[in-house]
Amino acid sequence: MQIDVTPVHGRGTALHPIWWRGRQWAVTNYGVEALDGTYAIEARRLTEGLGAIAPRVWLCEQVACEEWVDVDDLATAWLVAMTLHGIRSGAARTIRGAIARLPLPRARPTSASQESQ
């Protein structure tokens, strides 16, 4: 698994020490954080709502519905974070089901549209 090294303009809080880095998300000693510092999910909350019956929704599913989120990168960061933080979520079927519920990936913004955001 490669680590993305593309420069990212920080807009929010500085990230905690990075263990793994994707295109938009990083796995840190805190949990999963947006590279620009604007959003963070604490490690203990990574399984919050996982496998829950409606109306409770898995936390990462809520985040993935945001228009600005790179869904593939978030799902990858979540899986990496679960492994690196030693979190066991239960059955593999639950994890597959949760990932299957994520919205389909949207086209990634071009670099010009990323800079304007």
PDB file of N, CA and C in Angstrom:
ATOM      1  N   MET A   1       0.852  -1.165   0.000  1.00  0.00           N
ATOM      2  CA  MET A   1       0.000   0.000   0.000  1.00  0.00           C
ATOM      3  C   MET A   1       0.898   1.228   0.000  1.00  0.00           C
ATOM      4  N   GLN A   2       0.679   2.118  -0.943  1.00  0.00           N
ATOM      5  CA  GLN A   2       1.491   3.319  -1.051  1.00  0.00           C
ATOM      6  C   GLN A   2       0.954   4.442  -0.171  1.00  0.00           C
ATOM      7  N   ILE A   3       1.858   5.318   0.220  1.00  0.00           N
ATOM      8  CA  ILE A   3       1.485   6.505   0.977  1.00  0.00           C
ATOM      9  C   ILE A   3       1.572   7.692   0.031  1.00  0.00           C
ATOM     10  N   ASP A   4       0.476   8.444  -0.083  1.00  0.00           N
ATOM     11  CA  ASP A   4       0.430   9.615  -0.957  1.00  0.00           C
ATOM     12  C   ASP A   4       1.242  10.740  -0.325  1.00  0.00           C
ATOM     13  N   VAL A   5       2.051  11.417  -1.127  1.00  0.00           N
ATOM     14  CA  VAL A   5       2.880  12.514  -0.614  1.00  0.00           C
ATOM     15  C   VAL A   5       2.547  13.852  -1.283  1.00  0.00           C
ATOM     16  N   THR A   6       1.413  13.925  -1.971  1.00  0.00           N
ATOM     17  CA  THR A   6       0.996  15.163  -2.619  1.00  0.00           C
ATOM     18  C   THR A   6       0.803  16.247  -1.557  1.00  0.00           C
ATOM     19  N   PRO A   7       1.366  17.456  -1.767  1.00  0.00           N
ATOM     20  CA  PRO A   7       1.184  18.530  -0.783  1.00  0.00           C
ATOM     21  C   PRO A   7      -0.292  18.908  -0.614  1.00  0.00           C
ATOM     22  N   VAL A   8      -0.684  19.196   0.616  1.00  0.00           N
ATOM     23  CA  VAL A   8      -2.060  19.588   0.936  1.00  0.00           C
ATOM     24  C   VAL A   8      -2.017  20.887   1.724  1.00  0.00           C
ATOM     25  N   HIS A   9      -2.826  21.848   1.299  1.00  0.00           N
ATOM     26  CA  HIS A   9      -2.922  23.126   2.006  1.00  0.00           C
ATOM     27  C   HIS A   9      -3.758  22.928   3.271  1.00  0.00           C
ATOM     28  N   GLY A  10      -3.168  23.175   4.428  1.00  0.00           N
ATOM     29  CA  GLY A  10      -3.886  23.041   5.694  1.00  0.00           C
ATOM     30  C   GLY A  10      -4.830  24.211   5.917  1.00  0.00           C
ATOM     31  N   ARG A  11      -6.071  23.897   6.300  1.00  0.00           N
ATOM     32  CA  ARG A  11      -7.054  24.941   6.583  1.00  0.00           C
ATOM     33  C   ARG A  11      -7.533  24.881   8.021  1.00  0.00           C
ATOM     34  N   GLY A  12      -7.291  23.771   8.672  1.00  0.00           N
ATOM     35  CA  GLY A  12      -7.805  23.592  10.027  1.00  0.00           C
ATOM     36  C   GLY A  12      -6.687  23.315  11.009  1.00  0.00           C
ATOM     37  N   THR A  13      -6.968  22.453  11.946  1.00  0.00           N
ATOM     38  CA  THR A  13      -6.040  22.093  12.998  1.00  0.00           C
ATOM     39  C   THR A  13      -4.896  21.233  12.457  1.00  0.00           C
ATOM     40  N   ALA A  14      -3.714  21.395  13.026  1.00  0.00           N
ATOM     41  CA  ALA A  14      -2.583  20.546  12.647  1.00  0.00           C
ATOM     42  C   ALA A  14      -2.907  19.094  12.992  1.00  0.00           C
ATOM     43  N   LEU A  15      -2.471  18.181  12.126  1.00  0.00           N
ATOM     44  CA  LEU A  15      -2.744  16.765  12.339  1.00  0.00           C
ATOM     45  C   LEU A  15      -1.851  16.191  13.431  1.00  0.00           C
ATOM     46  N   HIS A  16      -2.372  15.155  14.079  1.00  0.00           N
ATOM     47  CA  HIS A  16      -1.574  14.381  15.021  1.00  0.00           C
ATOM     48  C   HIS A  16      -0.522  13.617  14.207  1.00  0.00           C
ATOM     49  N   PRO A  17       0.454  12.980  14.866  1.00  0.00           N
ATOM     50  CA  PRO A  17       1.468  12.227  14.115  1.00  0.00           C
ATOM     51  C   PRO A  17       0.829  11.211  13.154  1.00  0.00           C
ATOM     52  N   ILE A  18       1.274  11.270  11.900  1.00  0.00           N
ATOM     53  CA  ILE A  18       0.667  10.455  10.838  1.00  0.00           C
ATOM     54  C   ILE A  18       1.320   9.084  10.778  1.00  0.00           C
ATOM     55  N   TRP A  19       0.453   8.035  10.750  1.00  0.00           N
ATOM     56  CA  TRP A  19       0.909   6.655  10.606  1.00  0.00           C
ATOM     57  C   TRP A  19       0.764   6.188   9.163  1.00  0.00           C
ATOM     58  N   TRP A  20      -0.257   6.660   8.471  1.00  0.00           N
ATOM     59  CA  TRP A  20      -0.523   6.322   7.069  1.00  0.00           C
ATOM     60  C   TRP A  20      -1.207   7.516   6.435  1.00  0.00           C
ATOM     61  N   ARG A  21      -0.919   7.768   5.152  1.00  0.00           N
ATOM     62  CA  ARG A  21      -1.520   8.929   4.484  1.00  0.00           C
ATOM     63  C   ARG A  21      -2.063   8.538   3.124  1.00  0.00           C
ATOM     64  N   GLY A  22      -3.307   8.929   2.862  1.00  0.00           N
ATOM     65  CA  GLY A  22      -3.932   8.723   1.564  1.00  0.00           C
ATOM     66  C   GLY A  22      -4.009  10.052   0.823  1.00  0.00           C
ATOM     67  N   ARG A  23      -4.924  10.131  -0.148  1.00  0.00           N
ATOM     68  CA  ARG A  23      -5.092  11.350  -0.940  1.00  0.00           C
ATOM     69  C   ARG A  23      -5.745  12.472  -0.143  1.00  0.00           C
ATOM     70  N   GLN A  24      -6.727  12.116   0.693  1.00  0.00           N
ATOM     71  CA  GLN A  24      -7.490  13.120   1.423  1.00  0.00           C
ATOM     72  C   GLN A  24      -7.509  12.858   2.931  1.00  0.00           C
ATOM     73  N   TRP A  25      -7.257  11.628   3.321  1.00  0.00           N
ATOM     74  CA  TRP A  25      -7.365  11.224   4.720  1.00  0.00           C
ATOM     75  C   TRP A  25      -6.053  10.645   5.215  1.00  0.00           C
ATOM     76  N   ALA A  26      -5.792  10.798   6.505  1.00  0.00           N
ATOM     77  CA  ALA A  26      -4.617  10.225   7.144  1.00  0.00           C
ATOM     78  C   ALA A  26      -5.053   9.432   8.373  1.00  0.00           C
ATOM     79  N   VAL A  27      -4.312   8.380   8.649  1.00  0.00           N
ATOM     80  CA  VAL A  27      -4.487   7.649   9.896  1.00  0.00           C
ATOM     81  C   VAL A  27      -3.398   8.165  10.827  1.00  0.00           C
ATOM     82  N   THR A  28      -3.835   8.640  11.974  1.00  0.00           N
ATOM     83  CA  THR A  28      -2.909   9.241  12.945  1.00  0.00           C
ATOM     84  C   THR A  28      -3.013   8.511  14.281  1.00  0.00           C
ATOM     85  N   ASN A  29      -2.208   8.908  15.228  1.00  0.00           N
ATOM     86  CA  ASN A  29      -2.329   8.294  16.549  1.00  0.00           C
ATOM     87  C   ASN A  29      -3.642   8.710  17.226  1.00  0.00           C
ATOM     88  N   TYR A  30      -4.349   9.680  16.670  1.00  0.00           N
ATOM     89  CA  TYR A  30      -5.659  10.095  17.181  1.00  0.00           C
ATOM     90  C   TYR A  30      -6.783   9.243  16.588  1.00  0.00           C
ATOM     91  N   GLY A  31      -6.687   8.946  15.290  1.00  0.00           N
ATOM     92  CA  GLY A  31      -7.737   8.214  14.583  1.00  0.00           C
ATOM     93  C   GLY A  31      -7.597   8.426  13.089  1.00  0.00           C
ATOM     94  N   VAL A  32      -8.661   8.937  12.460  1.00  0.00           N
ATOM     95  CA  VAL A  32      -8.658   9.271  11.034  1.00  0.00           C
ATOM     96  C   VAL A  32      -8.896  10.770  10.927  1.00  0.00           C
ATOM     97  N   GLU A  33      -8.035  11.460  10.164  1.00  0.00           N
ATOM     98  CA  GLU A  33      -8.137  12.912  10.046  1.00  0.00           C
ATOM     99  C   GLU A  33      -8.056  13.337   8.589  1.00  0.00           C
ATOM    100  N   ALA A  34      -8.859  14.341   8.220  1.00  0.00           N
ATOM    101  CA  ALA A  34      -8.751  14.935   6.884  1.00  0.00           C
ATOM    102  C   ALA A  34      -7.400  15.635   6.810  1.00  0.00           C
ATOM    103  N   LEU A  35      -6.718  15.473   5.683  1.00  0.00           N
ATOM    104  CA  LEU A  35      -5.365  16.032   5.554  1.00  0.00           C
ATOM    105  C   LEU A  35      -5.324  17.542   5.714  1.00  0.00           C
ATOM    106  N   ASP A  36      -6.422  18.228   5.379  1.00  0.00           N
ATOM    107  CA  ASP A  36      -6.406  19.684   5.516  1.00  0.00           C
ATOM    108  C   ASP A  36      -6.703  20.140   6.944  1.00  0.00           C
ATOM    109  N   GLY A  37      -6.904  19.183   7.845  1.00  0.00           N
ATOM    110  CA  GLY A  37      -7.108  19.509   9.257  1.00  0.00           C
ATOM    111  C   GLY A  37      -8.510  19.947   9.629  1.00  0.00           C
ATOM    112  N   THR A  38      -9.466  19.765   8.725  1.00  0.00           N
ATOM    113  CA  THR A  38     -10.814  20.263   8.989  1.00  0.00           C
ATOM    114  C   THR A  38     -11.767  19.229   9.586  1.00  0.00           C
ATOM    115  N   TYR A  39     -11.364  17.958   9.624  1.00  0.00           N
ATOM    116  CA  TYR A  39     -12.271  16.928  10.145  1.00  0.00           C
ATOM    117  C   TYR A  39     -11.452  15.796  10.741  1.00  0.00           C
ATOM    118  N   ALA A  40     -11.884  15.290  11.895  1.00  0.00           N
ATOM    119  CA  ALA A  40     -11.187  14.182  12.556  1.00  0.00           C
ATOM    120  C   ALA A  40     -12.194  13.241  13.200  1.00  0.00           C
ATOM    121  N   ILE A  41     -11.880  11.953  13.150  1.00  0.00           N
ATOM    122  CA  ILE A  41     -12.692  10.924  13.799  1.00  0.00           C
ATOM    123  C   ILE A  41     -11.790  10.216  14.803  1.00  0.00           C
ATOM    124  N   GLU A  42     -12.126  10.316  16.053  1.00  0.00           N
ATOM    125  CA  GLU A  42     -11.335   9.688  17.106  1.00  0.00           C
ATOM    126  C   GLU A  42     -11.365   8.164  16.940  1.00  0.00           C
ATOM    127  N   ALA A  43     -10.250   7.499  17.205  1.00  0.00           N
ATOM    128  CA  ALA A  43     -10.130   6.049  17.007  1.00  0.00           C
ATOM    129  C   ALA A  43     -11.239   5.280  17.728  1.00  0.00           C
ATOM    130  N   ARG A  44     -11.577   5.669  18.926  1.00  0.00           N
ATOM    131  CA  ARG A  44     -12.606   4.933  19.681  1.00  0.00           C
ATOM    132  C   ARG A  44     -13.990   5.029  19.027  1.00  0.00           C
ATOM    133  N   ARG A  45     -14.166   5.988  18.085  1.00  0.00           N
ATOM    134  CA  ARG A  45     -15.459   6.177  17.431  1.00  0.00           C
ATOM    135  C   ARG A  45     -15.536   5.513  16.052  1.00  0.00           C
ATOM    136  N   LEU A  46     -14.468   4.851  15.611  1.00  0.00           N
ATOM    137  CA  LEU A  46     -14.441   4.271  14.262  1.00  0.00           C
ATOM    138  C   LEU A  46     -15.525   3.227  14.040  1.00  0.00           C
ATOM    139  N   THR A  47     -15.941   2.546  15.082  1.00  0.00           N
ATOM    140  CA  THR A  47     -16.984   1.534  14.923  1.00  0.00           C
ATOM    141  C   THR A  47     -18.354   2.027  15.379  1.00  0.00           C
ATOM    142  N   GLU A  48     -18.442   3.293  15.722  1.00  0.00           N
ATOM    143  CA  GLU A  48     -19.709   3.850  16.211  1.00  0.00           C
ATOM    144  C   GLU A  48     -20.812   3.680  15.157  1.00  0.00           C
ATOM    145  N   GLY A  49     -21.860   2.969  15.526  1.00  0.00           N
ATOM    146  CA  GLY A  49     -22.984   2.751  14.621  1.00  0.00           C
ATOM    147  C   GLY A  49     -22.767   1.631  13.622  1.00  0.00           C
ATOM    148  N   LEU A  50     -21.613   0.988  13.637  1.00  0.00           N
ATOM    149  CA  LEU A  50     -21.318  -0.093  12.701  1.00  0.00           C
ATOM    150  C   LEU A  50     -22.241  -1.272  12.978  1.00  0.00           C
ATOM    151  N   GLY A  51     -22.943  -1.708  11.950  1.00  0.00           N
ATOM    152  CA  GLY A  51     -23.865  -2.822  12.093  1.00  0.00           C
ATOM    153  C   GLY A  51     -25.173  -2.445  12.768  1.00  0.00           C
ATOM    154  N   ALA A  52     -25.376  -1.166  13.005  1.00  0.00           N
ATOM    155  CA  ALA A  52     -26.596  -0.710  13.680  1.00  0.00           C
ATOM    156  C   ALA A  52     -27.794  -0.770  12.744  1.00  0.00           C
ATOM    157  N   ILE A  53     -28.936  -0.904  13.337  1.00  0.00           N
ATOM    158  CA  ILE A  53     -30.190  -0.895  12.582  1.00  0.00           C
ATOM    159  C   ILE A  53     -30.705   0.535  12.573  1.00  0.00           C
ATOM    160  N   ALA A  54     -31.251   0.970  11.426  1.00  0.00           N
ATOM    161  CA  ALA A  54     -31.764   2.337  11.287  1.00  0.00           C
ATOM    162  C   ALA A  54     -32.644   2.666  12.487  1.00  0.00           C
ATOM    163  N   PRO A  55     -32.700   3.901  12.928  1.00  0.00           N
ATOM    164  CA  PRO A  55     -32.182   5.107  12.308  1.00  0.00           C
ATOM    165  C   PRO A  55     -30.719   5.401  12.625  1.00  0.00           C
ATOM    166  N   ARG A  56     -30.066   4.606  13.460  1.00  0.00           N
ATOM    167  CA  ARG A  56     -28.658   4.862  13.772  1.00  0.00           C
ATOM    168  C   ARG A  56     -27.800   4.499  12.565  1.00  0.00           C
ATOM    169  N   VAL A  57     -26.896   5.386  12.205  1.00  0.00           N
ATOM    170  CA  VAL A  57     -26.073   5.197  11.019  1.00  0.00           C
ATOM    171  C   VAL A  57     -24.610   5.159  11.437  1.00  0.00           C
ATOM    172  N   TRP A  58     -23.859   4.321  10.768  1.00  0.00           N
ATOM    173  CA  TRP A  58     -22.421   4.214  10.990  1.00  0.00           C
ATOM    174  C   TRP A  58     -21.788   5.580  10.757  1.00  0.00           C
ATOM    175  N   LEU A  59     -20.920   5.995  11.661  1.00  0.00           N
ATOM    176  CA  LEU A  59     -20.310   7.321  11.619  1.00  0.00           C
ATOM    177  C   LEU A  59     -19.610   7.586  10.287  1.00  0.00           C
ATOM    178  N   CYS A  60     -18.812   6.626   9.792  1.00  0.00           N
ATOM    179  CA  CYS A  60     -18.099   6.843   8.524  1.00  0.00           C
ATOM    180  C   CYS A  60     -19.064   6.964   7.353  1.00  0.00           C
ATOM    181  N   GLU A  61     -20.216   6.333   7.445  1.00  0.00           N
ATOM    182  CA  GLU A  61     -21.241   6.459   6.402  1.00  0.00           C
ATOM    183  C   GLU A  61     -21.776   7.896   6.371  1.00  0.00           C
ATOM    184  N   GLN A  62     -21.953   8.488   7.535  1.00  0.00           N
ATOM    185  CA  GLN A  62     -22.412   9.875   7.600  1.00  0.00           C
ATOM    186  C   GLN A  62     -21.391  10.803   6.957  1.00  0.00           C
ATOM    187  N   VAL A  63     -20.116  10.602   7.278  1.00  0.00           N
ATOM    188  CA  VAL A  63     -19.046  11.442   6.732  1.00  0.00           C
ATOM    189  C   VAL A  63     -18.957  11.265   5.221  1.00  0.00           C
ATOM    190  N   ALA A  64     -19.066  10.020   4.748  1.00  0.00           N
ATOM    191  CA  ALA A  64     -18.947   9.727   3.319  1.00  0.00           C
ATOM    192  C   ALA A  64     -20.031  10.399   2.488  1.00  0.00           C
ATOM    193  N   CYS A  65     -21.141  10.753   3.088  1.00  0.00           N
ATOM    194  CA  CYS A  65     -22.234  11.407   2.351  1.00  0.00           C
ATOM    195  C   CYS A  65     -21.941  12.878   2.063  1.00  0.00           C
ATOM    196  N   GLU A  66     -20.933  13.425   2.710  1.00  0.00           N
ATOM    197  CA  GLU A  66     -20.568  14.822   2.445  1.00  0.00           C
ATOM    198  C   GLU A  66     -19.998  14.935   1.032  1.00  0.00           C
ATOM    199  N   GLU A  67     -20.378  15.971   0.334  1.00  0.00           N
ATOM    200  CA  GLU A  67     -19.991  16.171  -1.071  1.00  0.00           C
ATOM    201  C   GLU A  67     -18.479  16.233  -1.282  1.00  0.00           C
ATOM    202  N   TRP A  68     -17.732  16.745  -0.329  1.00  0.00           N
ATOM    203  CA  TRP A  68     -16.294  16.951  -0.479  1.00  0.00           C
ATOM    204  C   TRP A  68     -15.454  15.715  -0.200  1.00  0.00           C
ATOM    205  N   VAL A  69     -16.075  14.634   0.268  1.00  0.00           N
ATOM    206  CA  VAL A  69     -15.325  13.463   0.720  1.00  0.00           C
ATOM    207  C   VAL A  69     -14.954  12.529  -0.429  1.00  0.00           C
ATOM    208  N   ASP A  70     -13.685  12.115  -0.458  1.00  0.00           N
ATOM    209  CA  ASP A  70     -13.196  11.074  -1.367  1.00  0.00           C
ATOM    210  C   ASP A  70     -13.542   9.752  -0.679  1.00  0.00           C
ATOM    211  N   VAL A  71     -14.626   9.122  -1.124  1.00  0.00           N
ATOM    212  CA  VAL A  71     -15.174   7.945  -0.448  1.00  0.00           C
ATOM    213  C   VAL A  71     -14.184   6.781  -0.443  1.00  0.00           C
ATOM    214  N   ASP A  72     -13.528   6.522  -1.565  1.00  0.00           N
ATOM    215  CA  ASP A  72     -12.553   5.427  -1.617  1.00  0.00           C
ATOM    216  C   ASP A  72     -11.435   5.643  -0.601  1.00  0.00           C
ATOM    217  N   ASP A  73     -10.940   6.860  -0.525  1.00  0.00           N
ATOM    218  CA  ASP A  73      -9.840   7.159   0.385  1.00  0.00           C
ATOM    219  C   ASP A  73     -10.298   7.057   1.841  1.00  0.00           C
ATOM    220  N   LEU A  74     -11.513   7.498   2.136  1.00  0.00           N
ATOM    221  CA  LEU A  74     -12.050   7.389   3.495  1.00  0.00           C
ATOM    222  C   LEU A  74     -12.183   5.922   3.890  1.00  0.00           C
ATOM    223  N   ALA A  75     -12.718   5.087   3.003  1.00  0.00           N
ATOM    224  CA  ALA A  75     -12.886   3.663   3.312  1.00  0.00           C
ATOM    225  C   ALA A  75     -11.523   3.008   3.557  1.00  0.00           C
ATOM    226  N   THR A  76     -10.539   3.354   2.736  1.00  0.00           N
ATOM    227  CA  THR A  76      -9.198   2.805   2.919  1.00  0.00           C
ATOM    228  C   THR A  76      -8.611   3.256   4.248  1.00  0.00           C
ATOM    229  N   ALA A  77      -8.716   4.549   4.538  1.00  0.00           N
ATOM    230  CA  ALA A  77      -8.193   5.078   5.800  1.00  0.00           C
ATOM    231  C   ALA A  77      -8.872   4.409   6.991  1.00  0.00           C
ATOM    232  N   TRP A  78     -10.180   4.177   6.895  1.00  0.00           N
ATOM    233  CA  TRP A  78     -10.919   3.539   7.982  1.00  0.00           C
ATOM    234  C   TRP A  78     -10.389   2.128   8.226  1.00  0.00           C
ATOM    235  N   LEU A  79     -10.193   1.363   7.157  1.00  0.00           N
ATOM    236  CA  LEU A  79      -9.686  -0.005   7.314  1.00  0.00           C
ATOM    237  C   LEU A  79      -8.266  -0.009   7.878  1.00  0.00           C
ATOM    238  N   VAL A  80      -7.425   0.894   7.386  1.00  0.00           N
ATOM    239  CA  VAL A  80      -6.053   0.994   7.897  1.00  0.00           C
ATOM    240  C   VAL A  80      -6.083   1.385   9.375  1.00  0.00           C
ATOM    241  N   ALA A  81      -6.925   2.343   9.732  1.00  0.00           N
ATOM    242  CA  ALA A  81      -7.021   2.791  11.124  1.00  0.00           C
ATOM    243  C   ALA A  81      -7.499   1.666  12.039  1.00  0.00           C
ATOM    244  N   MET A  82      -8.474   0.902  11.578  1.00  0.00           N
ATOM    245  CA  MET A  82      -8.969  -0.217  12.382  1.00  0.00           C
ATOM    246  C   MET A  82      -7.820  -1.181  12.689  1.00  0.00           C
ATOM    247  N   THR A  83      -6.987  -1.434  11.688  1.00  0.00           N
ATOM    248  CA  THR A  83      -5.861  -2.355  11.864  1.00  0.00           C
ATOM    249  C   THR A  83      -4.796  -1.754  12.773  1.00  0.00           C
ATOM    250  N   LEU A  84      -4.362  -0.533  12.462  1.00  0.00           N
ATOM    251  CA  LEU A  84      -3.275   0.080  13.224  1.00  0.00           C
ATOM    252  C   LEU A  84      -3.644   0.396  14.672  1.00  0.00           C
ATOM    253  N   HIS A  85      -4.924   0.683  14.905  1.00  0.00           N
ATOM    254  CA  HIS A  85      -5.371   0.973  16.272  1.00  0.00           C
ATOM    255  C   HIS A  85      -5.800  -0.299  17.012  1.00  0.00           C
ATOM    256  N   GLY A  86      -5.728  -1.458  16.325  1.00  0.00           N
ATOM    257  CA  GLY A  86      -6.056  -2.726  16.970  1.00  0.00           C
ATOM    258  C   GLY A  86      -7.520  -2.866  17.335  1.00  0.00           C
ATOM    259  N   ILE A  87      -8.397  -2.256  16.542  1.00  0.00           N
ATOM    260  CA  ILE A  87      -9.826  -2.298  16.831  1.00  0.00           C
ATOM    261  C   ILE A  87     -10.451  -3.499  16.139  1.00  0.00           C
ATOM    262  N   ARG A  88     -11.175  -4.279  16.913  1.00  0.00           N
ATOM    263  CA  ARG A  88     -11.892  -5.431  16.353  1.00  0.00           C
ATOM    264  C   ARG A  88     -13.364  -5.073  16.310  1.00  0.00           C
ATOM    265  N   SER A  89     -13.942  -5.208  15.138  1.00  0.00           N
ATOM    266  CA  SER A  89     -15.333  -4.794  14.988  1.00  0.00           C
ATOM    267  C   SER A  89     -16.303  -5.955  14.974  1.00  0.00           C
ATOM    268  N   GLY A  90     -15.822  -7.172  15.050  1.00  0.00           N
ATOM    269  CA  GLY A  90     -16.714  -8.309  14.972  1.00  0.00           C
ATOM    270  C   GLY A  90     -16.582  -8.995  13.631  1.00  0.00           C
ATOM    271  N   ALA A  91     -17.663  -9.468  13.117  1.00  0.00           N
ATOM    272  CA  ALA A  91     -17.661 -10.279  11.907  1.00  0.00           C
ATOM    273  C   ALA A  91     -17.257  -9.511  10.659  1.00  0.00           C
ATOM    274  N   ALA A  92     -16.545 -10.187   9.777  1.00  0.00           N
ATOM    275  CA  ALA A  92     -16.168  -9.602   8.490  1.00  0.00           C
ATOM    276  C   ALA A  92     -17.413  -9.222   7.694  1.00  0.00           C
ATOM    277  N   ARG A  93     -18.477  -9.960   7.869  1.00  0.00           N
ATOM    278  CA  ARG A  93     -19.734  -9.671   7.157  1.00  0.00           C
ATOM    279  C   ARG A  93     -20.241  -8.273   7.520  1.00  0.00           C
ATOM    280  N   THR A  94     -20.096  -7.873   8.778  1.00  0.00           N
ATOM    281  CA  THR A  94     -20.518  -6.547   9.223  1.00  0.00           C
ATOM    282  C   THR A  94     -19.711  -5.464   8.515  1.00  0.00           C
ATOM    283  N   ILE A  95     -18.399  -5.685   8.402  1.00  0.00           N
ATOM    284  CA  ILE A  95     -17.531  -4.708   7.741  1.00  0.00           C
ATOM    285  C   ILE A  95     -17.867  -4.622   6.251  1.00  0.00           C
ATOM    286  N   ARG A  96     -18.019  -5.761   5.581  1.00  0.00           N
ATOM    287  CA  ARG A  96     -18.376  -5.755   4.153  1.00  0.00           C
ATOM    288  C   ARG A  96     -19.704  -5.041   3.929  1.00  0.00           C
ATOM    289  N   GLY A  97     -20.665  -5.287   4.785  1.00  0.00           N
ATOM    290  CA  GLY A  97     -21.970  -4.638   4.668  1.00  0.00           C
ATOM    291  C   GLY A  97     -21.881  -3.135   4.851  1.00  0.00           C
ATOM    292  N   ALA A  98     -21.062  -2.715   5.806  1.00  0.00           N
ATOM    293  CA  ALA A  98     -20.901  -1.282   6.066  1.00  0.00           C
ATOM    294  C   ALA A  98     -20.261  -0.586   4.873  1.00  0.00           C
ATOM    295  N   ILE A  99     -19.230  -1.181   4.316  1.00  0.00           N
ATOM    296  CA  ILE A  99     -18.559  -0.581   3.164  1.00  0.00           C
ATOM    297  C   ILE A  99     -19.486  -0.571   1.961  1.00  0.00           C
ATOM    298  N   ALA A 100     -20.289  -1.603   1.797  1.00  0.00           N
ATOM    299  CA  ALA A 100     -21.236  -1.662   0.678  1.00  0.00           C
ATOM    300  C   ALA A 100     -22.287  -0.552   0.771  1.00  0.00           C
ATOM    301  N   ARG A 101     -22.578  -0.075   1.987  1.00  0.00           N
ATOM    302  CA  ARG A 101     -23.573   0.996   2.162  1.00  0.00           C
ATOM    303  C   ARG A 101     -23.023   2.380   1.863  1.00  0.00           C
ATOM    304  N   LEU A 102     -21.695   2.495   1.740  1.00  0.00           N
ATOM    305  CA  LEU A 102     -21.119   3.815   1.456  1.00  0.00           C
ATOM    306  C   LEU A 102     -21.581   4.295   0.096  1.00  0.00           C
ATOM    307  N   PRO A 103     -21.726   5.606  -0.076  1.00  0.00           N
ATOM    308  CA  PRO A 103     -22.141   6.133  -1.384  1.00  0.00           C
ATOM    309  C   PRO A 103     -21.097   5.778  -2.438  1.00  0.00           C
ATOM    310  N   LEU A 104     -21.549   5.651  -3.671  1.00  0.00           N
ATOM    311  CA  LEU A 104     -20.616   5.389  -4.765  1.00  0.00           C
ATOM    312  C   LEU A 104     -19.627   6.535  -4.859  1.00  0.00           C
ATOM    313  N   PRO A 105     -18.378   6.211  -5.180  1.00  0.00           N
ATOM    314  CA  PRO A 105     -17.373   7.280  -5.299  1.00  0.00           C
ATOM    315  C   PRO A 105     -17.775   8.300  -6.349  1.00  0.00           C
ATOM    316  N   ARG A 106     -17.531   9.554  -6.028  1.00  0.00           N
ATOM    317  CA  ARG A 106     -17.789  10.645  -6.968  1.00  0.00           C
ATOM    318  C   ARG A 106     -16.502  10.930  -7.721  1.00  0.00           C
ATOM    319  N   ALA A 107     -16.621  11.597  -8.832  1.00  0.00           N
ATOM    320  CA  ALA A 107     -15.417  11.999  -9.565  1.00  0.00           C
ATOM    321  C   ALA A 107     -14.591  12.897  -8.660  1.00  0.00           C
ATOM    322  N   ARG A 108     -13.300  12.679  -8.667  1.00  0.00           N
ATOM    323  CA  ARG A 108     -12.425  13.513  -7.843  1.00  0.00           C
ATOM    324  C   ARG A 108     -12.328  14.892  -8.446  1.00  0.00           C
ATOM    325  N   PRO A 109     -12.330  15.934  -7.600  1.00  0.00           N
ATOM    326  CA  PRO A 109     -12.200  17.298  -8.121  1.00  0.00           C
ATOM    327  C   PRO A 109     -10.860  17.467  -8.835  1.00  0.00           C
ATOM    328  N   THR A 110     -10.857  18.300  -9.848  1.00  0.00           N
ATOM    329  CA  THR A 110      -9.598  18.629 -10.526  1.00  0.00           C
ATOM    330  C   THR A 110      -8.790  19.509  -9.609  1.00  0.00           C
ATOM    331  N   SER A 111      -7.506  19.654  -9.866  1.00  0.00           N
ATOM    332  CA  SER A 111      -6.663  20.448  -8.977  1.00  0.00           C
ATOM    333  C   SER A 111      -7.120  21.900  -8.930  1.00  0.00           C
ATOM    334  N   ALA A 112      -7.671  22.427 -10.036  1.00  0.00           N
ATOM    335  CA  ALA A 112      -8.154  23.820 -10.038  1.00  0.00           C
ATOM    336  C   ALA A 112      -9.337  23.971  -9.098  1.00  0.00           C
ATOM    337  N   SER A 113     -10.268  23.020  -9.112  1.00  0.00           N
ATOM    338  CA  SER A 113     -11.438  23.145  -8.233  1.00  0.00           C
ATOM    339  C   SER A 113     -11.057  22.874  -6.797  1.00  0.00           C
ATOM    340  N   GLN A 114     -10.015  22.055  -6.556  1.00  0.00           N
ATOM    341  CA  GLN A 114      -9.563  21.817  -5.186  1.00  0.00           C
ATOM    342  C   GLN A 114      -8.974  23.086  -4.594  1.00  0.00           C
ATOM    343  N   GLU A 115      -8.235  23.835  -5.392  1.00  0.00           N
ATOM    344  CA  GLU A 115      -7.601  25.050  -4.889  1.00  0.00           C
ATOM    345  C   GLU A 115      -8.622  26.118  -4.556  1.00  0.00           C
ATOM    346  N   SER A 116      -9.755  26.132  -5.259  1.00  0.00           N
ATOM    347  CA  SER A 116     -10.762  27.163  -5.006  1.00  0.00           C
ATOM    348  C   SER A 116     -11.596  26.876  -3.779  1.00  0.00           C
ATOM    349  N   GLN A 117     -11.490  25.657  -3.211  1.00  0.00           N
ATOM    350  CA  GLN A 117     -12.300  25.310  -2.047  1.00  0.00           C
ATOM    351  C   GLN A 117     -11.643  25.683  -0.763  1.00  0.00           C
TER     352      GLN A 117
END
